[in-house]
Amino acid sequence: MKQTTFFLLALFALFASACSGGNTSLEGAWTLNSYGHAANPTPALPGIETSITFDADGKFGGTVGCNTFGGDYKINGDKATFSGAFSTMMYCQETDEQERAVLSLISEQTMTFSVSGNQLTLTSEDGASVIILTKK
């Protein structure tokens, strides 16, 4: 009986982890692949360091090419709520559009996230906008 109970518990744990959608952690450093409209995201500018790092203590920060940024985040299931976002305010014509788009998506809002392999997708609450990143 004990073996059957153990087997059923192990099977349940395996099933539950398979249904959970995988990793629920944003922790680590990620590089921008694309951003913008979910149906047709804009590729990240080539050769421009654009990345974000999520720390275990609920802080995030990175660079969007010209400016650096940071803030706080909280995870609740598959939702990431961003708050306290800040950035430096230098103007760089080459990266301006990408910077404004990415920063507006992670400023003071909640996004759904999913991690598949080494790819992180952040999706706006209305499903219209995304940020797609690759693990560094």
C-alpha atoms as a PDB file:
ATOM      1  CA  MET A   1       0.000   0.000   0.000  1.00  0.00           C
ATOM      2  CA  LYS A   2       2.825   2.392   0.883  1.00  0.00           C
ATOM      3  CA  GLN A   3       4.420   1.789  -2.527  1.00  0.00           C
ATOM      4  CA  THR A   4       1.150   2.532  -4.310  1.00  0.00           C
ATOM      5  CA  THR A   5       0.648   5.730  -2.318  1.00  0.00           C
ATOM      6  CA  PHE A   6       4.219   6.849  -3.021  1.00  0.00           C
ATOM      7  CA  PHE A   7       3.810   6.042  -6.733  1.00  0.00           C
ATOM      8  CA  LEU A   8       0.552   7.999  -6.935  1.00  0.00           C
ATOM      9  CA  LEU A   9       2.086  11.001  -5.147  1.00  0.00           C
ATOM     10  CA  ALA A  10       5.118  10.939  -7.464  1.00  0.00           C
ATOM     11  CA  LEU A  11       2.845  10.647 -10.502  1.00  0.00           C
ATOM     12  CA  PHE A  12       0.715  13.566  -9.256  1.00  0.00           C
ATOM     13  CA  ALA A  13       3.837  15.732  -8.713  1.00  0.00           C
ATOM     14  CA  LEU A  14       5.076  14.913 -12.216  1.00  0.00           C
ATOM     15  CA  PHE A  15       1.673  15.701 -13.730  1.00  0.00           C
ATOM     16  CA  ALA A  16       1.367  18.964 -11.786  1.00  0.00           C
ATOM     17  CA  SER A  17       4.802  20.158 -12.897  1.00  0.00           C
ATOM     18  CA  ALA A  18       4.051  19.268 -16.525  1.00  0.00           C
ATOM     19  CA  CYS A  19       0.810  21.254 -16.416  1.00  0.00           C
ATOM     20  CA  SER A  20       2.341  24.294 -14.758  1.00  0.00           C
ATOM     21  CA  GLY A  21       3.812  25.577 -18.024  1.00  0.00           C
ATOM     22  CA  GLY A  22       7.400  25.175 -16.877  1.00  0.00           C
ATOM     23  CA  ASN A  23       9.583  27.775 -15.272  1.00  0.00           C
ATOM     24  CA  THR A  24       7.751  30.512 -13.387  1.00  0.00           C
ATOM     25  CA  SER A  25      10.843  32.555 -12.677  1.00  0.00           C
ATOM     26  CA  LEU A  26      12.045  35.604 -14.553  1.00  0.00           C
ATOM     27  CA  GLU A  27      15.358  35.609 -12.697  1.00  0.00           C
ATOM     28  CA  GLY A  28      18.447  36.120 -14.774  1.00  0.00           C
ATOM     29  CA  ALA A  29      19.673  38.220 -17.669  1.00  0.00           C
ATOM     30  CA  TRP A  30      17.695  38.409 -20.919  1.00  0.00           C
ATOM     31  CA  THR A  31      18.434  40.003 -24.313  1.00  0.00           C
ATOM     32  CA  LEU A  32      15.730  41.706 -26.382  1.00  0.00           C
ATOM     33  CA  ASN A  33      14.681  39.862 -29.559  1.00  0.00           C
ATOM     34  CA  SER A  34      11.576  41.821 -30.522  1.00  0.00           C
ATOM     35  CA  TYR A  35       8.845  44.054 -29.148  1.00  0.00           C
ATOM     36  CA  GLY A  36       5.618  45.794 -30.070  1.00  0.00           C
ATOM     37  CA  HIS A  37       2.427  44.541 -31.666  1.00  0.00           C
ATOM     38  CA  ALA A  38       1.837  40.900 -30.718  1.00  0.00           C
ATOM     39  CA  ALA A  39       0.810  39.879 -34.248  1.00  0.00           C
ATOM     40  CA  ASN A  40       3.873  41.453 -35.857  1.00  0.00           C
ATOM     41  CA  PRO A  41       6.627  42.324 -33.349  1.00  0.00           C
ATOM     42  CA  THR A  42       9.445  44.667 -34.391  1.00  0.00           C
ATOM     43  CA  PRO A  43      12.895  43.025 -34.357  1.00  0.00           C
ATOM     44  CA  ALA A  44      15.366  44.513 -31.872  1.00  0.00           C
ATOM     45  CA  LEU A  45      17.944  46.849 -33.372  1.00  0.00           C
ATOM     46  CA  PRO A  46      21.013  44.843 -34.431  1.00  0.00           C
ATOM     47  CA  GLY A  47      24.268  45.544 -32.631  1.00  0.00           C
ATOM     48  CA  ILE A  48      22.565  47.541 -29.852  1.00  0.00           C
ATOM     49  CA  GLU A  49      22.878  46.119 -26.322  1.00  0.00           C
ATOM     50  CA  THR A  50      19.305  45.891 -25.118  1.00  0.00           C
ATOM     51  CA  SER A  51      18.799  43.667 -22.114  1.00  0.00           C
ATOM     52  CA  ILE A  52      17.017  43.268 -18.807  1.00  0.00           C
ATOM     53  CA  THR A  53      18.021  41.449 -15.634  1.00  0.00           C
ATOM     54  CA  PHE A  54      15.537  40.239 -13.051  1.00  0.00           C
ATOM     55  CA  ASP A  55      16.984  39.729  -9.566  1.00  0.00           C
ATOM     56  CA  ALA A  56      15.680  37.327  -6.920  1.00  0.00           C
ATOM     57  CA  ASP A  57      14.873  40.295  -4.654  1.00  0.00           C
ATOM     58  CA  GLY A  58      12.167  41.684  -6.954  1.00  0.00           C
ATOM     59  CA  LYS A  59      14.325  44.274  -8.715  1.00  0.00           C
ATOM     60  CA  PHE A  60      14.844  44.594 -12.449  1.00  0.00           C
ATOM     61  CA  GLY A  61      17.190  46.721 -14.505  1.00  0.00           C
ATOM     62  CA  GLY A  62      18.973  46.935 -17.793  1.00  0.00           C
ATOM     63  CA  THR A  63      19.775  48.961 -20.841  1.00  0.00           C
ATOM     64  CA  VAL A  64      17.690  49.860 -23.860  1.00  0.00           C
ATOM     65  CA  GLY A  65      20.619  50.903 -25.992  1.00  0.00           C
ATOM     66  CA  CYS A  66      21.240  54.459 -24.889  1.00  0.00           C
ATOM     67  CA  ASN A  67      19.615  54.672 -21.479  1.00  0.00           C
ATOM     68  CA  THR A  68      19.585  52.450 -18.430  1.00  0.00           C
ATOM     69  CA  PHE A  69      16.434  51.624 -16.494  1.00  0.00           C
ATOM     70  CA  GLY A  70      15.210  49.777 -13.445  1.00  0.00           C
ATOM     71  CA  GLY A  71      12.390  49.230 -11.026  1.00  0.00           C
ATOM     72  CA  ASP A  72      10.552  46.613  -9.011  1.00  0.00           C
ATOM     73  CA  TYR A  73       8.546  43.571 -10.036  1.00  0.00           C
ATOM     74  CA  LYS A  74       6.309  41.048  -8.304  1.00  0.00           C
ATOM     75  CA  ILE A  75       5.246  37.650  -9.573  1.00  0.00           C
ATOM     76  CA  ASN A  76       1.771  36.208  -9.030  1.00  0.00           C
ATOM     77  CA  GLY A  77       1.287  33.014 -11.016  1.00  0.00           C
ATOM     78  CA  ASP A  78       2.010  33.896 -14.643  1.00  0.00           C
ATOM     79  CA  LYS A  79       1.672  37.657 -14.048  1.00  0.00           C
ATOM     80  CA  ALA A  80       4.537  40.089 -13.511  1.00  0.00           C
ATOM     81  CA  THR A  81       3.599  43.475 -12.071  1.00  0.00           C
ATOM     82  CA  PHE A  82       6.133  46.232 -12.717  1.00  0.00           C
ATOM     83  CA  SER A  83       6.334  49.312 -10.517  1.00  0.00           C
ATOM     84  CA  GLY A  84       8.677  52.124  -9.604  1.00  0.00           C
ATOM     85  CA  ALA A  85      10.165  52.155 -13.101  1.00  0.00           C
ATOM     86  CA  PHE A  86      12.816  54.760 -13.833  1.00  0.00           C
ATOM     87  CA  SER A  87      15.316  55.445 -16.606  1.00  0.00           C
ATOM     88  CA  THR A  88      18.028  57.858 -17.522  1.00  0.00           C
ATOM     89  CA  MET A  89      16.856  60.514 -19.964  1.00  0.00           C
ATOM     90  CA  MET A  90      19.518  60.838 -22.663  1.00  0.00           C
ATOM     91  CA  TYR A  91      18.287  61.250 -26.227  1.00  0.00           C
ATOM     92  CA  CYS A  92      19.780  58.918 -28.814  1.00  0.00           C
ATOM     93  CA  GLN A  93      18.078  59.153 -32.181  1.00  0.00           C
ATOM     94  CA  GLU A  94      19.123  55.671 -33.315  1.00  0.00           C
ATOM     95  CA  THR A  95      17.490  53.903 -30.362  1.00  0.00           C
ATOM     96  CA  ASP A  96      14.727  56.337 -29.392  1.00  0.00           C
ATOM     97  CA  GLU A  97      11.756  54.456 -30.882  1.00  0.00           C
ATOM     98  CA  GLN A  98      12.830  51.088 -29.446  1.00  0.00           C
ATOM     99  CA  GLU A  99      13.549  52.593 -26.028  1.00  0.00           C
ATOM    100  CA  ARG A 100      10.207  54.374 -25.773  1.00  0.00           C
ATOM    101  CA  ALA A 101       8.286  51.266 -26.864  1.00  0.00           C
ATOM    102  CA  VAL A 102      10.012  48.850 -24.484  1.00  0.00           C
ATOM    103  CA  LEU A 103       9.978  51.206 -21.506  1.00  0.00           C
ATOM    104  CA  SER A 104       6.300  52.011 -21.970  1.00  0.00           C
ATOM    105  CA  LEU A 105       5.460  48.305 -21.828  1.00  0.00           C
ATOM    106  CA  ILE A 106       7.246  47.693 -18.520  1.00  0.00           C
ATOM    107  CA  SER A 107       6.259  50.913 -16.791  1.00  0.00           C
ATOM    108  CA  GLU A 108       3.694  50.581 -14.029  1.00  0.00           C
ATOM    109  CA  GLN A 109       1.683  47.706 -15.404  1.00  0.00           C
ATOM    110  CA  THR A 110       1.037  43.985 -15.155  1.00  0.00           C
ATOM    111  CA  MET A 111       2.047  41.641 -17.948  1.00  0.00           C
ATOM    112  CA  THR A 112       1.529  37.933 -18.478  1.00  0.00           C
ATOM    113  CA  PHE A 113       4.768  36.046 -18.934  1.00  0.00           C
ATOM    114  CA  SER A 114       5.780  32.657 -20.239  1.00  0.00           C
ATOM    115  CA  VAL A 115       9.157  30.978 -20.369  1.00  0.00           C
ATOM    116  CA  SER A 116       9.744  28.342 -23.026  1.00  0.00           C
ATOM    117  CA  GLY A 117      13.264  26.974 -23.158  1.00  0.00           C
ATOM    118  CA  ASN A 118      15.508  30.028 -23.277  1.00  0.00           C
ATOM    119  CA  GLN A 119      12.774  32.419 -24.471  1.00  0.00           C
ATOM    120  CA  LEU A 120      10.765  34.778 -22.273  1.00  0.00           C
ATOM    121  CA  THR A 121       7.613  36.405 -23.615  1.00  0.00           C
ATOM    122  CA  LEU A 122       5.967  39.294 -21.769  1.00  0.00           C
ATOM    123  CA  THR A 123       2.463  40.093 -23.020  1.00  0.00           C
ATOM    124  CA  SER A 124       0.363  43.138 -22.148  1.00  0.00           C
ATOM    125  CA  GLU A 125      -2.898  42.522 -20.285  1.00  0.00           C
ATOM    126  CA  ASP A 126      -4.944  43.211 -23.416  1.00  0.00           C
ATOM    127  CA  GLY A 127      -2.772  40.805 -25.459  1.00  0.00           C
ATOM    128  CA  ALA A 128      -1.930  43.473 -28.032  1.00  0.00           C
ATOM    129  CA  SER A 129       1.757  44.024 -27.197  1.00  0.00           C
ATOM    130  CA  VAL A 130       4.731  41.788 -26.443  1.00  0.00           C
ATOM    131  CA  ILE A 131       8.374  41.870 -25.456  1.00  0.00           C
ATOM    132  CA  ILE A 132      10.292  38.752 -26.498  1.00  0.00           C
ATOM    133  CA  LEU A 133      13.658  38.066 -24.885  1.00  0.00           C
ATOM    134  CA  THR A 134      16.308  35.334 -24.946  1.00  0.00           C
ATOM    135  CA  LYS A 135      18.207  34.126 -21.878  1.00  0.00           C
ATOM    136  CA  LYS A 136      21.808  35.346 -21.860  1.00  0.00           C
END
